[in-house]
Amino acid sequence: MVDVLMLPLVTAEKMLTAAGIPFVVAKSAPRSNKFQLLDDCQYVVRQTMQNGVCHLVVAAKMGKEVQ
């Protein structure tokens, strides 16, 4: 299995596609809106393999605190 944990989603997608591994992406988000989320900067925070499919959970990088 290709290890893509903590990599940017764009990089992880390229690596998995190059290795011929199908994948599914789920996005997580915090319950609070205290911090601005940078949606263009997603990182893999969890990676599991089930039935030959790599399941990725991604989270957006947090920006500055919103007052």
Protein backbone atom coordinates (compact mmCIF):
# COMPACT_ATOMS: atom_id res chain seq x y z
CA MET A 1 0.00 0.00 0.00
CA VAL A 2 1.20 3.52 -0.79
CA ASP A 3 1.50 5.66 2.36
CA VAL A 4 -0.04 9.09 1.76
CA LEU A 5 -0.81 10.04 5.35
CA MET A 6 -0.26 13.76 6.10
CA LEU A 7 0.39 14.60 2.46
CA PRO A 8 -1.57 17.24 0.53
CA LEU A 9 -4.60 15.68 -1.16
CA VAL A 10 -3.35 16.67 -4.63
CA THR A 11 -0.09 14.77 -4.06
CA ALA A 12 -1.89 11.75 -2.56
CA GLU A 13 -4.25 11.54 -5.54
CA LYS A 14 -1.34 11.59 -7.99
CA MET A 15 0.56 8.87 -6.07
CA LEU A 16 -2.46 6.57 -5.77
CA THR A 17 -3.44 7.05 -9.42
CA ALA A 18 0.14 6.31 -10.55
CA ALA A 19 0.12 3.13 -8.44
CA GLY A 20 -3.23 2.06 -9.91
CA ILE A 21 -4.97 2.08 -6.52
CA PRO A 22 -8.61 3.18 -6.52
CA PHE A 23 -9.50 5.63 -3.76
CA VAL A 24 -12.42 7.41 -2.12
CA VAL A 25 -12.13 10.80 -0.39
CA ALA A 26 -14.22 11.99 2.57
CA LYS A 27 -13.81 15.53 3.92
CA SER A 28 -13.93 16.29 7.62
CA ALA A 29 -14.62 19.67 9.16
CA PRO A 30 -14.57 21.05 12.69
CA ARG A 31 -17.87 21.70 14.43
CA SER A 32 -16.78 25.21 15.38
CA ASN A 33 -16.41 28.02 12.88
CA LYS A 34 -13.85 29.78 15.09
CA PHE A 35 -11.11 29.27 12.52
CA GLN A 36 -11.19 30.04 8.82
CA LEU A 37 -10.60 26.91 6.71
CA LEU A 38 -8.30 27.00 3.70
CA ASP A 39 -10.27 24.67 1.40
CA ASP A 40 -7.61 24.80 -1.30
CA CYS A 41 -5.13 23.21 1.12
CA GLN A 42 -6.49 19.73 2.06
CA TYR A 43 -4.33 17.16 3.88
CA VAL A 44 -4.82 13.41 4.38
CA VAL A 45 -5.46 12.77 8.09
CA ARG A 46 -6.61 9.13 7.92
CA GLN A 47 -5.93 6.34 5.44
CA THR A 48 -7.45 2.85 5.43
CA MET A 49 -7.63 0.07 2.84
CA GLN A 50 -10.85 -1.94 2.40
CA ASN A 51 -11.57 -4.41 -0.37
CA GLY A 52 -8.77 -3.03 -2.52
CA VAL A 53 -9.97 0.58 -2.24
CA CYS A 54 -8.00 3.20 -0.34
CA HIS A 55 -10.29 5.35 1.84
CA LEU A 56 -8.91 8.79 2.66
CA VAL A 57 -10.21 11.30 5.19
CA VAL A 58 -8.97 14.82 4.51
CA ALA A 59 -9.08 18.04 6.51
CA ALA A 60 -8.50 21.62 5.42
CA LYS A 61 -5.65 23.62 6.85
CA MET A 62 -6.88 26.15 9.38
CA GLY A 63 -6.25 29.83 8.90
CA LYS A 64 -6.36 32.65 11.40
CA GLU A 65 -8.92 32.79 14.18
CA VAL A 66 -12.14 34.56 13.22
CA GLN A 67 -13.35 37.10 15.80
